[in-house]
C-alpha cells in the first residue's frame, strides 16, 4: 500500500524525483520511491533535514512548535516535508525539480500521506 501510494504520487506529479516515507520516532526512512537508488547517506541526510524542519517528538529546532509542512527551494530543486495529520512521527520527504507545481503537489502528497499513515 505504501509503495503503491508513493508510486502513484511520483507518477502523477511531473518533477517529483524522490519520495521517502520516514518515521521520526526512529529517525529512519522506511520506504523510498525513486528512479535511481539513493545511497543510505542521502536518505539519512533527508531524514535529518525533515527532523530539523518539522521538529521531532518534543524537540523543535526551528520555531516554537512542531510544523506540519516545510519547503526548501533553490535553483537546483525543491524539497518538501510533510507531517501526517494523525501520526506526528509519520513524515513524507520529497525531492523535486525546480519546475514542480508546488501547490498541486503538496495537496496530492498530503492526501496520500494521510492515507498511508492511517492505513486506509
N, C-alpha and C. Protein backbone atom coordinates (compact mmCIF):
# COMPACT_ATOMS: atom_id res chain seq x y z
N UNK A 1 0.80 -1.19 0.00
CA UNK A 1 0.00 0.00 0.00
C UNK A 1 0.86 1.27 0.00
N UNK A 2 1.86 1.32 0.87
CA UNK A 2 2.74 2.50 0.93
C UNK A 2 3.44 2.68 -0.41
N UNK A 3 3.98 1.59 -0.94
CA UNK A 3 4.69 1.65 -2.21
C UNK A 3 3.76 2.11 -3.33
N UNK A 4 2.54 1.59 -3.34
CA UNK A 4 1.57 1.98 -4.37
C UNK A 4 1.26 3.47 -4.31
N UNK A 5 1.05 3.99 -3.11
CA UNK A 5 0.75 5.41 -2.94
C UNK A 5 1.92 6.28 -3.39
N UNK A 6 3.14 5.88 -3.01
CA UNK A 6 4.32 6.66 -3.41
C UNK A 6 4.53 6.61 -4.92
N UNK A 7 4.36 5.42 -5.50
CA UNK A 7 4.47 5.30 -6.96
C UNK A 7 3.48 6.21 -7.66
N UNK A 8 2.23 6.18 -7.19
CA UNK A 8 1.18 6.99 -7.82
C UNK A 8 1.46 8.48 -7.65
N UNK A 9 1.96 8.87 -6.50
CA UNK A 9 2.29 10.28 -6.25
C UNK A 9 3.39 10.75 -7.19
N UNK A 10 4.43 9.95 -7.32
CA UNK A 10 5.55 10.35 -8.20
C UNK A 10 5.11 10.36 -9.66
N UNK A 11 4.32 9.38 -10.05
CA UNK A 11 3.85 9.31 -11.44
C UNK A 11 2.92 10.48 -11.79
N UNK A 12 2.13 10.92 -10.82
CA UNK A 12 1.13 11.96 -11.08
C UNK A 12 1.70 13.38 -11.06
N UNK A 13 2.93 13.53 -10.60
CA UNK A 13 3.49 14.87 -10.43
C UNK A 13 4.82 15.00 -11.16
N UNK A 14 4.76 15.64 -12.32
CA UNK A 14 5.97 15.85 -13.11
C UNK A 14 6.96 16.67 -12.29
N UNK A 15 8.17 16.22 -12.23
CA UNK A 15 9.20 16.92 -11.46
C UNK A 15 9.47 16.28 -10.11
N UNK A 16 8.65 15.33 -9.71
CA UNK A 16 8.88 14.62 -8.44
C UNK A 16 9.94 13.56 -8.71
N UNK A 17 11.09 13.69 -8.06
CA UNK A 17 12.22 12.82 -8.34
C UNK A 17 12.41 11.71 -7.30
N UNK A 18 12.15 12.02 -6.03
CA UNK A 18 12.33 11.02 -4.98
C UNK A 18 11.36 11.28 -3.85
N UNK A 19 10.77 10.20 -3.34
CA UNK A 19 9.89 10.26 -2.19
C UNK A 19 10.43 9.31 -1.13
N UNK A 20 10.32 9.72 0.12
CA UNK A 20 10.75 8.87 1.21
C UNK A 20 9.75 9.01 2.36
N UNK A 21 9.23 7.87 2.81
CA UNK A 21 8.32 7.84 3.95
C UNK A 21 9.17 7.53 5.17
N UNK A 22 9.12 8.41 6.16
CA UNK A 22 10.00 8.30 7.32
C UNK A 22 9.22 8.22 8.62
N UNK A 23 9.84 7.61 9.62
CA UNK A 23 9.32 7.59 10.98
C UNK A 23 10.30 8.39 11.83
N UNK A 24 9.88 9.56 12.27
CA UNK A 24 10.79 10.42 13.03
C UNK A 24 11.09 9.87 14.42
N UNK A 25 10.22 9.01 14.97
CA UNK A 25 10.50 8.46 16.29
C UNK A 25 11.71 7.53 16.26
N UNK A 26 11.94 6.88 15.12
CA UNK A 26 13.11 6.01 14.98
C UNK A 26 14.21 6.67 14.15
N UNK A 27 13.89 7.84 13.59
CA UNK A 27 14.82 8.59 12.75
C UNK A 27 15.28 7.76 11.55
N UNK A 28 14.28 7.08 10.93
CA UNK A 28 14.59 6.20 9.81
C UNK A 28 13.67 6.43 8.63
N UNK A 29 14.23 6.31 7.44
CA UNK A 29 13.43 6.26 6.22
C UNK A 29 12.97 4.81 6.09
N UNK A 30 11.67 4.61 5.96
CA UNK A 30 11.12 3.26 5.91
C UNK A 30 10.91 2.76 4.48
N UNK A 31 10.45 3.63 3.60
CA UNK A 31 10.17 3.25 2.21
C UNK A 31 10.58 4.41 1.30
N UNK A 32 11.17 4.08 0.16
CA UNK A 32 11.52 5.12 -0.81
C UNK A 32 10.91 4.79 -2.17
N UNK A 33 10.77 5.82 -2.97
CA UNK A 33 10.33 5.68 -4.35
C UNK A 33 11.16 6.66 -5.17
N UNK A 34 12.02 6.12 -6.01
CA UNK A 34 12.90 6.96 -6.81
C UNK A 34 13.29 6.22 -8.07
N UNK A 35 13.64 6.97 -9.09
CA UNK A 35 14.05 6.36 -10.35
C UNK A 35 15.40 5.67 -10.22
N UNK A 36 16.25 6.18 -9.35
CA UNK A 36 17.59 5.62 -9.15
C UNK A 36 17.79 5.35 -7.66
N UNK A 37 18.57 4.35 -7.36
CA UNK A 37 18.83 4.05 -5.95
C UNK A 37 19.55 5.20 -5.28
N UNK A 38 19.09 5.54 -4.09
CA UNK A 38 19.72 6.60 -3.30
C UNK A 38 20.59 5.95 -2.22
N UNK A 39 21.81 6.41 -2.06
CA UNK A 39 22.67 5.87 -1.02
C UNK A 39 22.07 6.11 0.37
N UNK A 40 22.36 5.23 1.30
CA UNK A 40 21.86 5.34 2.67
C UNK A 40 22.21 6.71 3.26
N UNK A 41 23.38 7.24 2.96
CA UNK A 41 23.79 8.54 3.50
C UNK A 41 22.85 9.65 3.03
N UNK A 42 22.41 9.58 1.77
CA UNK A 42 21.48 10.56 1.23
C UNK A 42 20.15 10.49 1.97
N UNK A 43 19.68 9.28 2.19
CA UNK A 43 18.41 9.09 2.91
C UNK A 43 18.53 9.56 4.36
N UNK A 44 19.66 9.28 5.00
CA UNK A 44 19.87 9.74 6.38
C UNK A 44 19.86 11.26 6.45
N UNK A 45 20.51 11.92 5.48
CA UNK A 45 20.51 13.40 5.46
C UNK A 45 19.10 13.94 5.25
N UNK A 46 18.34 13.30 4.40
CA UNK A 46 16.97 13.72 4.14
C UNK A 46 16.12 13.59 5.41
N UNK A 47 16.27 12.50 6.11
CA UNK A 47 15.52 12.30 7.36
C UNK A 47 15.95 13.32 8.40
N UNK A 48 17.24 13.59 8.51
CA UNK A 48 17.72 14.60 9.46
C UNK A 48 17.19 15.98 9.12
N UNK A 49 17.12 16.29 7.83
CA UNK A 49 16.58 17.58 7.42
C UNK A 49 15.10 17.68 7.79
N UNK A 50 14.37 16.60 7.61
CA UNK A 50 12.95 16.59 8.00
C UNK A 50 12.80 16.84 9.49
N UNK A 51 13.65 16.20 10.29
CA UNK A 51 13.60 16.40 11.74
C UNK A 51 13.89 17.85 12.11
N UNK A 52 14.86 18.45 11.44
CA UNK A 52 15.20 19.84 11.72
C UNK A 52 14.07 20.77 11.28
N UNK A 53 13.52 20.53 10.11
CA UNK A 53 12.49 21.43 9.57
C UNK A 53 11.16 21.30 10.30
N UNK A 54 10.77 20.07 10.64
CA UNK A 54 9.45 19.84 11.23
C UNK A 54 9.47 19.69 12.74
N UNK A 55 10.61 19.31 13.28
CA UNK A 55 10.69 19.00 14.71
C UNK A 55 10.30 17.55 14.92
N UNK A 56 10.91 16.91 15.90
CA UNK A 56 10.62 15.51 16.20
C UNK A 56 10.37 15.37 17.69
N UNK A 57 9.31 14.64 18.02
CA UNK A 57 8.96 14.48 19.43
C UNK A 57 8.66 15.85 20.01
N UNK A 58 9.26 16.14 21.10
CA UNK A 58 9.06 17.45 21.74
C UNK A 58 10.19 18.42 21.41
N UNK A 59 11.11 18.00 20.56
CA UNK A 59 12.23 18.85 20.18
C UNK A 59 11.91 19.64 18.92
N UNK A 60 12.08 20.93 18.99
CA UNK A 60 11.84 21.81 17.86
C UNK A 60 13.11 22.62 17.63
N UNK A 61 13.62 22.57 16.41
CA UNK A 61 14.83 23.31 16.06
C UNK A 61 14.48 24.69 15.53
N UNK A 62 13.46 24.73 14.67
CA UNK A 62 13.03 25.99 14.08
C UNK A 62 11.63 26.32 14.60
N UNK A 63 11.44 27.54 15.06
CA UNK A 63 10.13 27.95 15.55
C UNK A 63 9.87 27.53 16.98
N UNK A 64 8.62 27.68 17.39
CA UNK A 64 8.27 27.40 18.78
C UNK A 64 7.52 26.09 18.96
N UNK A 65 6.96 25.54 17.89
CA UNK A 65 6.25 24.27 17.97
C UNK A 65 6.47 23.49 16.69
N UNK A 66 6.29 22.17 16.73
CA UNK A 66 6.49 21.37 15.52
C UNK A 66 5.61 21.84 14.37
N UNK A 67 6.15 21.79 13.18
CA UNK A 67 5.44 22.23 11.99
C UNK A 67 4.80 21.03 11.30
N UNK A 68 3.80 21.29 10.47
CA UNK A 68 3.17 20.22 9.70
C UNK A 68 3.70 20.17 8.27
N UNK A 69 4.40 21.22 7.85
CA UNK A 69 4.94 21.25 6.49
C UNK A 69 6.12 22.21 6.43
N UNK A 70 7.05 21.87 5.55
CA UNK A 70 8.19 22.76 5.31
C UNK A 70 8.63 22.58 3.86
N UNK A 71 9.17 23.64 3.31
CA UNK A 71 9.62 23.63 1.93
C UNK A 71 10.97 24.33 1.86
N UNK A 72 11.90 23.71 1.16
CA UNK A 72 13.22 24.28 0.94
C UNK A 72 13.43 24.32 -0.57
N UNK A 73 13.71 25.50 -1.10
CA UNK A 73 13.85 25.63 -2.54
C UNK A 73 15.11 26.40 -2.89
N UNK A 74 15.74 25.99 -3.97
CA UNK A 74 16.87 26.73 -4.54
C UNK A 74 16.86 26.48 -6.04
N UNK A 75 17.86 26.93 -6.74
CA UNK A 75 17.87 26.80 -8.20
C UNK A 75 17.99 25.35 -8.67
N UNK A 76 18.42 24.46 -7.80
CA UNK A 76 18.59 23.05 -8.18
C UNK A 76 17.34 22.22 -7.94
N UNK A 77 16.44 22.68 -7.07
CA UNK A 77 15.26 21.89 -6.80
C UNK A 77 14.48 22.34 -5.59
N UNK A 78 13.49 21.53 -5.26
CA UNK A 78 12.59 21.80 -4.14
C UNK A 78 12.52 20.55 -3.28
N UNK A 79 12.64 20.73 -1.98
CA UNK A 79 12.43 19.64 -1.04
C UNK A 79 11.21 20.00 -0.20
N UNK A 80 10.27 19.07 -0.13
CA UNK A 80 9.04 19.27 0.60
C UNK A 80 8.98 18.23 1.71
N UNK A 81 8.63 18.68 2.91
CA UNK A 81 8.49 17.79 4.06
C UNK A 81 7.09 17.97 4.63
N UNK A 82 6.37 16.87 4.77
CA UNK A 82 5.00 16.92 5.27
C UNK A 82 4.84 15.94 6.43
N UNK A 83 4.12 16.38 7.46
CA UNK A 83 3.81 15.53 8.61
C UNK A 83 2.38 15.03 8.47
N UNK A 84 2.13 13.76 8.78
CA UNK A 84 0.78 13.20 8.73
C UNK A 84 -0.10 13.85 9.80
N UNK A 85 -1.39 13.98 9.49
CA UNK A 85 -2.32 14.66 10.38
C UNK A 85 -2.50 13.93 11.71
N UNK A 86 -2.64 12.61 11.68
CA UNK A 86 -2.96 11.86 12.90
C UNK A 86 -1.78 11.13 13.53
N UNK A 87 -0.69 11.04 12.83
CA UNK A 87 0.51 10.36 13.33
C UNK A 87 1.70 11.31 13.19
N UNK A 88 2.02 12.08 14.22
CA UNK A 88 3.04 13.12 14.09
C UNK A 88 4.44 12.63 13.75
N UNK A 89 4.71 11.35 13.92
CA UNK A 89 6.03 10.83 13.57
C UNK A 89 6.12 10.36 12.13
N UNK A 90 4.98 10.25 11.45
CA UNK A 90 4.97 9.84 10.04
C UNK A 90 5.18 11.07 9.16
N UNK A 91 6.23 11.01 8.34
CA UNK A 91 6.62 12.17 7.54
C UNK A 91 6.92 11.72 6.12
N UNK A 92 6.56 12.56 5.17
CA UNK A 92 6.90 12.33 3.77
C UNK A 92 7.96 13.35 3.38
N UNK A 93 9.08 12.86 2.87
CA UNK A 93 10.18 13.71 2.41
C UNK A 93 10.21 13.61 0.88
N UNK A 94 10.19 14.74 0.22
CA UNK A 94 10.08 14.76 -1.23
C UNK A 94 11.19 15.61 -1.84
N UNK A 95 11.85 15.07 -2.84
CA UNK A 95 12.89 15.79 -3.57
C UNK A 95 12.37 15.97 -4.98
N UNK A 96 12.29 17.23 -5.42
CA UNK A 96 11.64 17.54 -6.69
C UNK A 96 12.46 18.53 -7.50
N UNK A 97 12.17 18.56 -8.78
CA UNK A 97 12.80 19.51 -9.70
C UNK A 97 12.25 20.91 -9.46
N UNK A 98 12.99 21.94 -9.88
CA UNK A 98 12.54 23.32 -9.63
C UNK A 98 11.23 23.68 -10.31
N UNK A 99 10.87 23.00 -11.40
CA UNK A 99 9.64 23.35 -12.11
C UNK A 99 8.39 22.71 -11.51
N UNK A 100 8.50 22.05 -10.38
CA UNK A 100 7.37 21.40 -9.72
C UNK A 100 6.23 22.38 -9.47
N UNK A 101 5.00 21.94 -9.72
CA UNK A 101 3.81 22.71 -9.34
C UNK A 101 3.59 22.43 -7.85
N UNK A 102 4.18 23.26 -7.02
CA UNK A 102 4.23 23.01 -5.58
C UNK A 102 2.84 22.91 -4.96
N UNK A 103 1.96 23.83 -5.30
CA UNK A 103 0.62 23.84 -4.70
C UNK A 103 -0.13 22.53 -4.98
N UNK A 104 -0.14 22.10 -6.23
CA UNK A 104 -0.82 20.86 -6.59
C UNK A 104 -0.14 19.65 -5.96
N UNK A 105 1.19 19.67 -5.96
CA UNK A 105 1.94 18.55 -5.40
C UNK A 105 1.66 18.41 -3.91
N UNK A 106 1.71 19.49 -3.16
CA UNK A 106 1.51 19.43 -1.71
C UNK A 106 0.11 18.90 -1.38
N UNK A 107 -0.90 19.35 -2.11
CA UNK A 107 -2.27 18.86 -1.87
C UNK A 107 -2.35 17.35 -2.10
N UNK A 108 -1.78 16.89 -3.20
CA UNK A 108 -1.78 15.47 -3.53
C UNK A 108 -0.97 14.68 -2.51
N UNK A 109 0.22 15.16 -2.18
CA UNK A 109 1.10 14.46 -1.25
C UNK A 109 0.49 14.37 0.14
N UNK A 110 -0.13 15.45 0.60
CA UNK A 110 -0.75 15.44 1.94
C UNK A 110 -1.87 14.39 2.01
N UNK A 111 -2.69 14.34 0.98
CA UNK A 111 -3.79 13.38 0.94
C UNK A 111 -3.26 11.94 0.97
N UNK A 112 -2.24 11.69 0.17
CA UNK A 112 -1.68 10.34 0.11
C UNK A 112 -0.96 9.98 1.40
N UNK A 113 -0.24 10.92 2.00
CA UNK A 113 0.44 10.66 3.26
C UNK A 113 -0.56 10.30 4.35
N UNK A 114 -1.65 11.01 4.43
CA UNK A 114 -2.65 10.73 5.45
C UNK A 114 -3.28 9.35 5.24
N UNK A 115 -3.46 8.93 3.99
CA UNK A 115 -3.96 7.58 3.72
C UNK A 115 -2.94 6.54 4.16
N UNK A 116 -1.67 6.78 3.83
CA UNK A 116 -0.61 5.85 4.23
C UNK A 116 -0.56 5.73 5.74
N UNK A 117 -0.56 6.87 6.41
CA UNK A 117 -0.42 6.91 7.86
C UNK A 117 -1.59 6.26 8.58
N UNK A 118 -2.79 6.42 8.02
CA UNK A 118 -3.98 5.84 8.68
C UNK A 118 -4.19 4.38 8.32
N UNK A 119 -3.44 3.90 7.33
CA UNK A 119 -3.57 2.52 6.90
C UNK A 119 -4.79 2.29 6.03
N UNK A 120 -5.38 3.39 5.54
CA UNK A 120 -6.60 3.26 4.71
C UNK A 120 -6.29 2.84 3.30
